[in-house]
Each structure stands twice: as structure tokens, then as C-alpha cells.
């Protein structure tokens, strides 16, 4: 006797496939809402939010941040601190910012250090981003592997210009969601142990909270945020 198999109509199959795609669109986990935002520390929760950039960086381009022009060149079509860095990419980023203190230009190098115990545990290959600014006083940013937090490997580092030091750490929690993401949903900038700026990368474009950019602290937060935003892919969220 010939067996009979149930069939699914083409329209019904397309609906199922589209629903599956929607559940993981933009790299989000199943159940996450597209309007979710990074959890903000109380110290910056009331600070005005500024959006900047565009939905896809590409390898070069420009945009404005509160009317101040930013130009950039990237060493690859895709860059992400939570993904492996291609061995051929030694200079992942160059960018300049026409800030209140004048033009500020940075060159950023990238490399993958030897695998650490944390890296093996997380099954990841953290790479180091190191940026330098030559404008006086010279500044440097470096961020790479961090600590295991709630089973997720963070990215941590620092920005230094003269006597000012800004701590950098990735953030992994959405508002109203206790389950941390493996990749960052944004970054926090800390001065003397207090969060003074944040970069929310949970949307299609970055959202920045910062001190007055005309101050040394605001300049530091802005330069660090620009570097971190430009090694993140808006189209992948």
C-alpha cells in the first residue's frame, strides 16, 4: 500500500520561515524585543541621550555628532570585539573628530593575544583594540579580554590622556531582562569608580550619554565611545 504524506502549502511554509527569521533578526535572541535598551547606571540615567552614525558603517564614511564631523576608515567590512579579528587586519580603524578642542585623530591597531583560560572557557577569541591620539596631551585607549560575569566574558580596558584615566567595560543586560547577552549591548565609561558615560549599542544606531564634550572628561568619553562604536556592526544587531 502506498503511504500518504501530509503536505504543507507554499504560503504556509513561507510564513513559518519568515517567523523563524524574525525571531533571530539583527542577531537578537529568541524572545528579545527590538525596542529593548541597555540598562543604564543611576549616575547617567538622567543624562540626555545623543544618537549618531548610520545603520551600516562600511569601510569608510563620515557622520556628525551634535554637529561635529567624524570621518573614519575601517580595515574590514565587519568588525566586532566579540568576534574573531581576521589575521590580515592589523589596523582595524582610523578616525577623526572635529570636537570643541579642535581636530582629534586616532589610529587603532588590533591583534589577538594567546588564548587565556577565560577565553578557552568562553569558547571565544578576544582581540585587543589599541588606539592612539597624537594631539597634546597624547592619549591612548586599549580594551580586550575582561572578566567572567554571570558566565559571560566581558571586554574591559582604559582610556588615558595626561592624568585623566577612564575605565571601559562592556555591558550585557537589557532593561527588564535578567539574562545577559554573550555579546555587548553597550559600554560604560567610568571615572574614579563612577559611571560618567555610556554607549548604548542595542539599536540600529549608537546612543551616547556623556559629560559636556568641551570638558576633558567629556572629550575622553566621546573619543572612547567613537572608537567602540566603530568596531561594532549596526546591521548585525
Protein backbone atom coordinates (compact mmCIF):
# COMPACT_ATOMS: atom_id res chain seq x y z
CA UNK A 1 0.00 0.00 0.00
CA UNK A 2 1.37 3.39 -0.95
CA UNK A 3 1.91 5.63 2.06
CA UNK A 4 0.38 9.09 2.10
CA UNK A 5 2.39 12.05 3.31
CA UNK A 6 0.91 15.27 4.58
CA UNK A 7 1.95 18.35 2.64
CA UNK A 8 2.37 21.98 3.64
CA UNK A 9 1.25 24.68 1.26
CA UNK A 10 3.89 27.07 -0.04
CA UNK A 11 2.29 30.15 1.60
CA UNK A 12 2.12 28.40 4.96
CA UNK A 13 5.75 27.30 4.67
CA UNK A 14 6.84 30.85 3.85
CA UNK A 15 5.03 32.15 6.93
CA UNK A 16 6.86 29.66 9.13
CA UNK A 17 10.23 30.54 7.61
CA UNK A 18 9.64 34.28 7.95
CA UNK A 19 8.59 33.85 11.56
CA UNK A 20 11.80 31.95 12.26
CA UNK A 21 13.86 34.66 10.63
CA UNK A 22 12.08 37.34 12.64
CA UNK A 23 12.94 35.54 15.87
CA UNK A 24 16.67 35.94 15.22
CA UNK A 25 16.68 39.13 13.11
CA UNK A 26 19.50 41.54 13.85
CA UNK A 27 21.31 38.93 15.94
CA UNK A 28 18.79 39.07 18.75
CA UNK A 29 17.97 36.04 20.83
CA UNK A 30 14.51 34.47 20.67
CA UNK A 31 12.09 36.42 22.86
CA UNK A 32 14.01 39.69 22.78
CA UNK A 33 12.09 42.77 21.69
CA UNK A 34 13.54 45.11 19.06
CA UNK A 35 12.87 48.11 21.33
CA UNK A 36 14.95 46.80 24.25
CA UNK A 37 17.67 49.08 25.58
CA UNK A 38 20.85 48.75 27.57
CA UNK A 39 20.50 49.04 31.35
CA UNK A 40 21.76 52.47 32.46
CA UNK A 41 23.65 53.15 35.69
CA UNK A 42 21.82 55.60 38.03
CA UNK A 43 24.65 58.13 37.61
CA UNK A 44 23.88 58.58 33.89
CA UNK A 45 20.19 57.64 33.77
CA UNK A 46 19.16 61.31 33.66
CA UNK A 47 21.77 62.42 31.13
CA UNK A 48 20.47 63.46 27.70
CA UNK A 49 20.92 60.82 25.00
CA UNK A 50 22.51 61.62 21.63
CA UNK A 51 22.23 59.38 18.59
CA UNK A 52 24.88 59.34 15.89
CA UNK A 53 26.22 57.32 12.99
CA UNK A 54 24.20 55.31 10.48
CA UNK A 55 22.70 51.83 10.11
CA UNK A 56 25.81 50.41 8.38
CA UNK A 57 29.38 51.70 8.70
CA UNK A 58 31.06 50.10 5.69
CA UNK A 59 34.81 50.52 5.30
CA UNK A 60 34.80 54.33 5.24
CA UNK A 61 32.49 57.28 5.65
CA UNK A 62 31.54 60.24 7.80
CA UNK A 63 28.71 61.46 10.02
CA UNK A 64 28.02 64.20 12.55
CA UNK A 65 27.77 64.02 16.32
CA UNK A 66 25.87 67.07 17.61
CA UNK A 67 27.01 68.98 14.56
CA UNK A 68 30.66 67.92 14.88
CA UNK A 69 32.03 65.93 11.96
CA UNK A 70 33.54 62.46 12.33
CA UNK A 71 35.41 60.74 9.49
CA UNK A 72 36.55 57.11 9.60
CA UNK A 73 38.27 54.29 7.72
CA UNK A 74 37.96 50.65 8.79
CA UNK A 75 40.18 47.72 7.90
CA UNK A 76 37.32 45.31 7.20
CA UNK A 77 33.67 45.29 6.15
CA UNK A 78 32.82 43.77 9.50
CA UNK A 79 34.41 44.38 12.92
CA UNK A 80 33.24 43.27 16.35
CA UNK A 81 35.14 42.95 19.63
CA UNK A 82 33.11 39.84 20.42
CA UNK A 83 34.04 38.09 17.18
CA UNK A 84 37.45 36.93 15.91
CA UNK A 85 39.63 39.51 14.18
CA UNK A 86 40.84 38.48 10.72
CA UNK A 87 44.61 37.85 10.74
CA UNK A 88 45.01 40.20 7.77
CA UNK A 89 43.57 43.17 9.70
CA UNK A 90 46.34 44.96 11.60
CA UNK A 91 44.84 48.47 11.55
CA UNK A 92 41.10 47.98 12.06
CA UNK A 93 40.27 51.67 12.47
CA UNK A 94 41.32 55.26 11.79
CA UNK A 95 39.04 58.15 12.64
CA UNK A 96 38.98 61.87 13.33
CA UNK A 97 36.58 64.04 15.31
CA UNK A 98 36.22 67.81 14.92
CA UNK A 99 35.49 68.40 18.61
CA UNK A 100 35.33 71.56 20.72
CA UNK A 101 39.09 71.32 21.45
CA UNK A 102 39.92 71.07 17.73
CA UNK A 103 40.52 68.15 15.40
CA UNK A 104 41.28 64.86 17.12
CA UNK A 105 42.68 61.98 15.03
CA UNK A 106 43.30 58.40 16.11
CA UNK A 107 44.91 55.28 14.64
CA UNK A 108 43.81 51.96 16.12
CA UNK A 109 45.65 48.65 15.90
CA UNK A 110 44.27 45.21 16.62
CA UNK A 111 45.76 41.85 17.49
CA UNK A 112 44.71 38.55 19.05
CA UNK A 113 46.77 37.54 22.11
CA UNK A 114 47.43 33.97 23.16
CA UNK A 115 44.31 32.21 24.35
CA UNK A 116 43.73 32.67 28.08
CA UNK A 117 41.89 30.39 30.48
CA UNK A 118 38.88 32.72 30.31
CA UNK A 119 38.97 32.67 26.52
CA UNK A 120 39.04 28.89 26.40
CA UNK A 121 36.18 28.68 28.89
CA UNK A 122 34.03 31.06 26.86
CA UNK A 123 34.99 29.45 23.53
CA UNK A 124 35.89 32.87 22.19
CA UNK A 125 38.91 34.61 20.71
CA UNK A 126 39.05 38.06 22.31
CA UNK A 127 41.17 40.54 20.42
CA UNK A 128 42.75 43.73 21.65
CA UNK A 129 41.87 47.17 20.29
CA UNK A 130 44.59 49.76 20.89
CA UNK A 131 44.08 53.39 19.78
CA UNK A 132 46.44 56.36 19.98
CA UNK A 133 45.79 60.09 19.67
CA UNK A 134 48.74 62.38 18.99
CA UNK A 135 47.07 65.69 19.90
CA UNK A 136 48.56 67.14 23.08
CA UNK A 137 48.49 65.69 25.56
CA UNK A 138 48.75 62.34 23.80
CA UNK A 139 46.09 59.76 24.60
CA UNK A 140 45.76 56.00 24.40
CA UNK A 141 42.87 53.53 24.60
CA UNK A 142 43.16 49.78 25.00
CA UNK A 143 40.41 47.25 25.50
CA UNK A 144 40.39 43.46 25.22
CA UNK A 145 39.51 40.47 27.34
CA UNK A 146 37.82 41.21 30.66
CA UNK A 147 36.26 39.15 33.43
CA UNK A 148 33.73 36.34 33.54
CA UNK A 149 30.47 37.96 34.68
CA UNK A 150 27.36 35.78 35.03
CA UNK A 151 29.03 33.27 32.76
CA UNK A 152 29.75 35.84 30.03
CA UNK A 153 33.19 37.13 29.11
CA UNK A 154 33.29 40.91 29.21
CA UNK A 155 35.62 43.33 27.42
CA UNK A 156 37.42 45.77 29.68
CA UNK A 157 40.12 48.39 29.31
CA UNK A 158 41.02 52.03 29.81
CA UNK A 159 41.48 55.37 28.06
CA UNK A 160 44.26 57.67 29.28
CA UNK A 161 45.06 61.27 28.37
CA UNK A 162 47.55 63.04 30.60
CA UNK A 163 46.50 62.48 34.21
CA UNK A 164 42.93 61.55 33.29
CA UNK A 165 42.06 57.84 33.24
CA UNK A 166 38.72 56.48 32.08
CA UNK A 167 37.75 52.88 32.76
CA UNK A 168 35.92 50.98 30.00
CA UNK A 169 33.74 47.92 30.35
CA UNK A 170 31.15 46.16 28.22
CA UNK A 171 27.52 45.96 29.33
CA UNK A 172 25.44 42.84 28.66
CA UNK A 173 21.97 43.45 30.11
CA UNK A 174 18.80 44.80 28.54
CA UNK A 175 16.30 46.71 30.65
CA UNK A 176 13.84 44.29 32.21
CA UNK A 177 15.83 41.21 31.20
CA UNK A 178 17.87 39.33 33.79
CA UNK A 179 19.56 37.10 31.21
CA UNK A 180 22.82 38.66 29.97
CA UNK A 181 23.77 38.52 26.30
CA UNK A 182 27.06 36.98 25.21
CA UNK A 183 27.95 40.00 23.05
CA UNK A 184 27.83 43.52 24.43
CA UNK A 185 24.67 45.60 24.27
CA UNK A 186 26.84 48.63 25.00
CA UNK A 187 29.72 50.03 27.05
CA UNK A 188 30.16 52.06 30.22
CA UNK A 189 32.87 54.65 30.86
CA UNK A 190 33.96 55.11 34.48
CA UNK A 191 35.91 57.85 36.21
CA UNK A 192 37.14 57.20 39.75
CA UNK A 193 34.75 54.26 40.04
CA UNK A 194 31.60 56.12 38.89
CA UNK A 195 29.90 55.63 35.53
CA UNK A 196 30.16 59.01 33.77
CA UNK A 197 29.19 57.98 30.24
CA UNK A 198 27.51 55.17 28.35
CA UNK A 199 27.28 53.90 24.80
CA UNK A 200 24.07 52.01 24.05
CA UNK A 201 24.50 49.67 21.07
CA UNK A 202 21.16 47.89 21.36
CA UNK A 203 19.56 49.77 18.47
CA UNK A 204 20.23 50.39 14.79
CA UNK A 205 22.49 53.36 15.60
CA UNK A 206 24.60 54.15 18.71
CA UNK A 207 23.16 56.20 21.58
CA UNK A 208 25.58 58.17 23.71
CA UNK A 209 25.29 59.73 27.17
CA UNK A 210 28.30 61.88 28.06
CA UNK A 211 29.53 64.87 30.04
CA UNK A 212 30.00 68.21 28.26
CA UNK A 213 32.38 67.39 25.36
CA UNK A 214 34.12 70.73 25.88
CA UNK A 215 35.49 69.39 29.20
CA UNK A 216 38.45 66.98 29.44
CA UNK A 217 36.17 64.27 30.84
CA UNK A 218 33.59 64.77 28.10
CA UNK A 219 36.29 64.67 25.45
CA UNK A 220 37.62 61.40 26.86
CA UNK A 221 34.15 59.79 26.94
CA UNK A 222 33.44 60.94 23.37
CA UNK A 223 36.70 59.68 21.89
CA UNK A 224 36.37 56.32 23.64
CA UNK A 225 32.73 55.98 22.57
CA UNK A 226 33.53 56.72 18.92
CA UNK A 227 36.24 54.04 18.86
CA UNK A 228 33.97 51.45 20.47
CA UNK A 229 31.02 52.27 18.21
CA UNK A 230 33.14 51.96 15.06
CA UNK A 231 34.24 48.42 15.94
CA UNK A 232 30.60 47.33 16.17
CA UNK A 233 28.22 46.46 13.36
CA UNK A 234 24.83 48.21 13.44
CA UNK A 235 23.46 45.94 10.69
CA UNK A 236 24.18 42.83 12.80
CA UNK A 237 22.02 43.74 15.78
